[in-house]
Amino acid sequence: QVQLVESGGGLVEAGGSLRLSCAASGRTFTNYAMGWFRQVPGKERESVAAISWGGSTTYVSDSVKGRFTISRDNANNTVWLQMNSLKPEDTAVYYCAVKRFGRNYFPADGVDYWGKGTLVTVSS
């Protein structure tokens, strides 16, 4: 069993930055991809970034490419999402996710473990 706890969300002005973190606890394992999803009311949960177990391969969605960076520290079971040049349309609840045996990108319906989410609000 794995628990994921996100932190770092909050209110930020457009153009600002936030760094989200996700700490995993419980039973750990290797060969898993981690990622970040976001969701707003009335919309499907969408992937914004993902990273391979080794950290050498990353995925970012077109909407955040060039602004968001994902990284991980397997020794501490932690994944981060550095969010720069934030826009109001980035406002959402951001969820950490783990895909066992995943390779980089994975869709929401393939997630094995979800965090509870952290709210990011970007003001105009």
C-alpha atoms as a PDB file:
ATOM      1  CA  GLN A   1       0.000   0.000   0.000  1.00  0.00           C
ATOM      2  CA  VAL A   2       1.275   3.440  -0.959  1.00  0.00           C
ATOM      3  CA  GLN A   3       0.129   6.822   0.274  1.00  0.00           C
ATOM      4  CA  LEU A   4       0.859  10.019  -1.625  1.00  0.00           C
ATOM      5  CA  VAL A   5       0.739  13.422   0.037  1.00  0.00           C
ATOM      6  CA  GLU A   6       0.984  16.593  -2.016  1.00  0.00           C
ATOM      7  CA  SER A   7       2.010  19.986  -0.753  1.00  0.00           C
ATOM      8  CA  GLY A   8       3.003  23.365  -2.098  1.00  0.00           C
ATOM      9  CA  GLY A   9      -0.246  24.562  -3.562  1.00  0.00           C
ATOM     10  CA  GLY A  10      -1.640  27.969  -2.894  1.00  0.00           C
ATOM     11  CA  LEU A  11      -2.547  31.313  -4.357  1.00  0.00           C
ATOM     12  CA  VAL A  12      -0.081  32.941  -6.699  1.00  0.00           C
ATOM     13  CA  GLU A  13      -0.130  35.890  -9.044  1.00  0.00           C
ATOM     14  CA  ALA A  14      -0.003  35.277 -12.777  1.00  0.00           C
ATOM     15  CA  GLY A  15       3.576  35.013 -13.913  1.00  0.00           C
ATOM     16  CA  GLY A  16       4.686  33.679 -10.569  1.00  0.00           C
ATOM     17  CA  SER A  17       5.994  30.291  -9.567  1.00  0.00           C
ATOM     18  CA  LEU A  18       5.104  27.432  -7.280  1.00  0.00           C
ATOM     19  CA  ARG A  19       6.815  24.183  -6.503  1.00  0.00           C
ATOM     20  CA  LEU A  20       4.616  21.225  -5.719  1.00  0.00           C
ATOM     21  CA  SER A  21       5.949  18.218  -3.900  1.00  0.00           C
ATOM     22  CA  CYS A  22       4.611  14.732  -3.438  1.00  0.00           C
ATOM     23  CA  ALA A  23       5.921  12.407  -0.771  1.00  0.00           C
ATOM     24  CA  ALA A  24       5.217   8.713  -0.965  1.00  0.00           C
ATOM     25  CA  SER A  25       5.007   6.528   2.103  1.00  0.00           C
ATOM     26  CA  GLY A  26       4.186   2.949   2.864  1.00  0.00           C
ATOM     27  CA  ARG A  27       5.503   0.108   0.823  1.00  0.00           C
ATOM     28  CA  THR A  28       7.892   1.254  -1.829  1.00  0.00           C
ATOM     29  CA  PHE A  29       8.885  -0.359  -5.045  1.00  0.00           C
ATOM     30  CA  THR A  30      10.996   0.198  -8.100  1.00  0.00           C
ATOM     31  CA  ASN A  31      10.084   0.534 -11.752  1.00  0.00           C
ATOM     32  CA  TYR A  32       7.272   2.992 -11.386  1.00  0.00           C
ATOM     33  CA  ALA A  33       6.512   6.199 -13.174  1.00  0.00           C
ATOM     34  CA  MET A  34       5.236   9.217 -11.299  1.00  0.00           C
ATOM     35  CA  GLY A  35       3.273  12.113 -12.577  1.00  0.00           C
ATOM     36  CA  TRP A  36       1.075  15.079 -11.955  1.00  0.00           C
ATOM     37  CA  PHE A  37      -2.501  15.515 -13.081  1.00  0.00           C
ATOM     38  CA  ARG A  38      -4.855  18.413 -12.704  1.00  0.00           C
ATOM     39  CA  GLN A  39      -8.594  18.812 -12.694  1.00  0.00           C
ATOM     40  CA  VAL A  40     -11.117  21.616 -12.692  1.00  0.00           C
ATOM     41  CA  PRO A  41     -14.868  21.262 -12.148  1.00  0.00           C
ATOM     42  CA  GLY A  42     -16.649  19.865 -15.172  1.00  0.00           C
ATOM     43  CA  LYS A  43     -13.447  18.696 -16.807  1.00  0.00           C
ATOM     44  CA  GLU A  44     -11.679  15.380 -16.952  1.00  0.00           C
ATOM     45  CA  ARG A  45      -8.533  14.880 -14.978  1.00  0.00           C
ATOM     46  CA  GLU A  46      -5.629  15.480 -17.323  1.00  0.00           C
ATOM     47  CA  SER A  47      -1.970  14.650 -17.231  1.00  0.00           C
ATOM     48  CA  VAL A  48       0.372  17.606 -17.067  1.00  0.00           C
ATOM     49  CA  ALA A  49       3.700  15.894 -16.463  1.00  0.00           C
ATOM     50  CA  ALA A  50       5.236  12.498 -15.891  1.00  0.00           C
ATOM     51  CA  ILE A  51       8.659  11.068 -15.213  1.00  0.00           C
ATOM     52  CA  SER A  52      10.214   7.651 -15.566  1.00  0.00           C
ATOM     53  CA  TRP A  53      11.567   5.714 -12.611  1.00  0.00           C
ATOM     54  CA  GLY A  54      15.130   6.564 -13.528  1.00  0.00           C
ATOM     55  CA  GLY A  55      14.247  10.189 -14.078  1.00  0.00           C
ATOM     56  CA  SER A  56      15.887  10.388 -17.464  1.00  0.00           C
ATOM     57  CA  THR A  57      12.666  10.581 -19.457  1.00  0.00           C
ATOM     58  CA  THR A  58      10.003  13.170 -18.833  1.00  0.00           C
ATOM     59  CA  TYR A  59       6.724  14.166 -20.372  1.00  0.00           C
ATOM     60  CA  VAL A  60       4.966  17.485 -20.170  1.00  0.00           C
ATOM     61  CA  SER A  61       1.711  18.402 -21.807  1.00  0.00           C
ATOM     62  CA  ASP A  62       1.644  20.955 -24.577  1.00  0.00           C
ATOM     63  CA  SER A  63      -0.210  23.390 -22.360  1.00  0.00           C
ATOM     64  CA  VAL A  64       2.617  23.539 -19.823  1.00  0.00           C
ATOM     65  CA  LYS A  65       5.634  22.789 -21.983  1.00  0.00           C
ATOM     66  CA  GLY A  66       8.435  25.213 -21.357  1.00  0.00           C
ATOM     67  CA  ARG A  67       6.913  26.332 -18.059  1.00  0.00           C
ATOM     68  CA  PHE A  68       6.648  23.223 -15.877  1.00  0.00           C
ATOM     69  CA  THR A  69       9.413  20.807 -14.967  1.00  0.00           C
ATOM     70  CA  ILE A  70       9.040  17.476 -13.230  1.00  0.00           C
ATOM     71  CA  SER A  71      11.765  15.801 -11.201  1.00  0.00           C
ATOM     72  CA  ARG A  72      12.062  13.048  -8.618  1.00  0.00           C
ATOM     73  CA  ASP A  73      14.252  11.769  -5.833  1.00  0.00           C
ATOM     74  CA  ASN A  74      13.757   8.056  -5.436  1.00  0.00           C
ATOM     75  CA  ALA A  75      15.884   7.912  -2.288  1.00  0.00           C
ATOM     76  CA  ASN A  76      13.266  10.038  -0.557  1.00  0.00           C
ATOM     77  CA  ASN A  77      10.274   8.809  -2.559  1.00  0.00           C
ATOM     78  CA  THR A  78       9.500  12.323  -3.662  1.00  0.00           C
ATOM     79  CA  VAL A  79       8.453  13.942  -6.909  1.00  0.00           C
ATOM     80  CA  TRP A  80       8.307  17.670  -7.588  1.00  0.00           C
ATOM     81  CA  LEU A  81       6.583  19.857 -10.100  1.00  0.00           C
ATOM     82  CA  GLN A  82       8.253  23.207 -10.645  1.00  0.00           C
ATOM     83  CA  MET A  83       5.657  25.559 -12.071  1.00  0.00           C
ATOM     84  CA  ASN A  84       6.896  28.791 -13.612  1.00  0.00           C
ATOM     85  CA  SER A  85       5.183  31.545 -15.550  1.00  0.00           C
ATOM     86  CA  LEU A  86       1.856  30.493 -14.137  1.00  0.00           C
ATOM     87  CA  LYS A  87      -1.306  31.467 -15.951  1.00  0.00           C
ATOM     88  CA  PRO A  88      -4.876  31.742 -14.676  1.00  0.00           C
ATOM     89  CA  GLU A  89      -5.795  28.712 -16.770  1.00  0.00           C
ATOM     90  CA  ASP A  90      -3.383  26.674 -14.674  1.00  0.00           C
ATOM     91  CA  THR A  91      -5.789  27.002 -11.763  1.00  0.00           C
ATOM     92  CA  ALA A  92      -6.816  23.501 -10.726  1.00  0.00           C
ATOM     93  CA  VAL A  93      -6.457  20.829  -8.124  1.00  0.00           C
ATOM     94  CA  TYR A  94      -3.183  19.084  -8.797  1.00  0.00           C
ATOM     95  CA  TYR A  95      -2.856  15.397  -8.032  1.00  0.00           C
ATOM     96  CA  CYS A  96       0.226  13.290  -7.633  1.00  0.00           C
ATOM     97  CA  ALA A  97       0.035   9.842  -9.170  1.00  0.00           C
ATOM     98  CA  VAL A  98       2.015   6.620  -9.387  1.00  0.00           C
ATOM     99  CA  LYS A  99       1.917   4.053 -12.154  1.00  0.00           C
ATOM    100  CA  ARG A 100       3.546   0.757 -11.332  1.00  0.00           C
ATOM    101  CA  PHE A 101       5.782  -0.460 -14.130  1.00  0.00           C
ATOM    102  CA  GLY A 102       4.924   2.665 -16.035  1.00  0.00           C
ATOM    103  CA  ARG A 103       7.121   4.267 -18.616  1.00  0.00           C
ATOM    104  CA  ASN A 104       6.981   8.015 -18.518  1.00  0.00           C
ATOM    105  CA  TYR A 105       3.554   9.213 -19.647  1.00  0.00           C
ATOM    106  CA  PHE A 106       0.475   7.375 -18.462  1.00  0.00           C
ATOM    107  CA  PRO A 107      -3.208   8.272 -18.618  1.00  0.00           C
ATOM    108  CA  ALA A 108      -5.474   8.894 -15.661  1.00  0.00           C
ATOM    109  CA  ASP A 109      -7.255   5.574 -16.061  1.00  0.00           C
ATOM    110  CA  GLY A 110      -3.939   3.789 -15.655  1.00  0.00           C
ATOM    111  CA  VAL A 111      -3.038   5.283 -12.298  1.00  0.00           C
ATOM    112  CA  ASP A 112      -2.427   2.870  -9.443  1.00  0.00           C
ATOM    113  CA  TYR A 113      -2.184   5.377  -6.589  1.00  0.00           C
ATOM    114  CA  TRP A 114      -3.536   8.900  -6.231  1.00  0.00           C
ATOM    115  CA  GLY A 115      -2.775  11.660  -3.821  1.00  0.00           C
ATOM    116  CA  LYS A 116      -5.584  13.726  -2.357  1.00  0.00           C
ATOM    117  CA  GLY A 117      -4.632  16.787  -4.346  1.00  0.00           C
ATOM    118  CA  THR A 118      -3.441  20.297  -3.654  1.00  0.00           C
ATOM    119  CA  LEU A 119      -5.184  23.410  -4.916  1.00  0.00           C
ATOM    120  CA  VAL A 120      -3.320  25.852  -7.121  1.00  0.00           C
ATOM    121  CA  THR A 121      -5.011  29.171  -7.782  1.00  0.00           C
ATOM    122  CA  VAL A 122      -3.470  31.668 -10.168  1.00  0.00           C
ATOM    123  CA  SER A 123      -4.877  35.153 -10.013  1.00  0.00           C
ATOM    124  CA  SER A 124      -5.048  37.599 -12.888  1.00  0.00           C
END
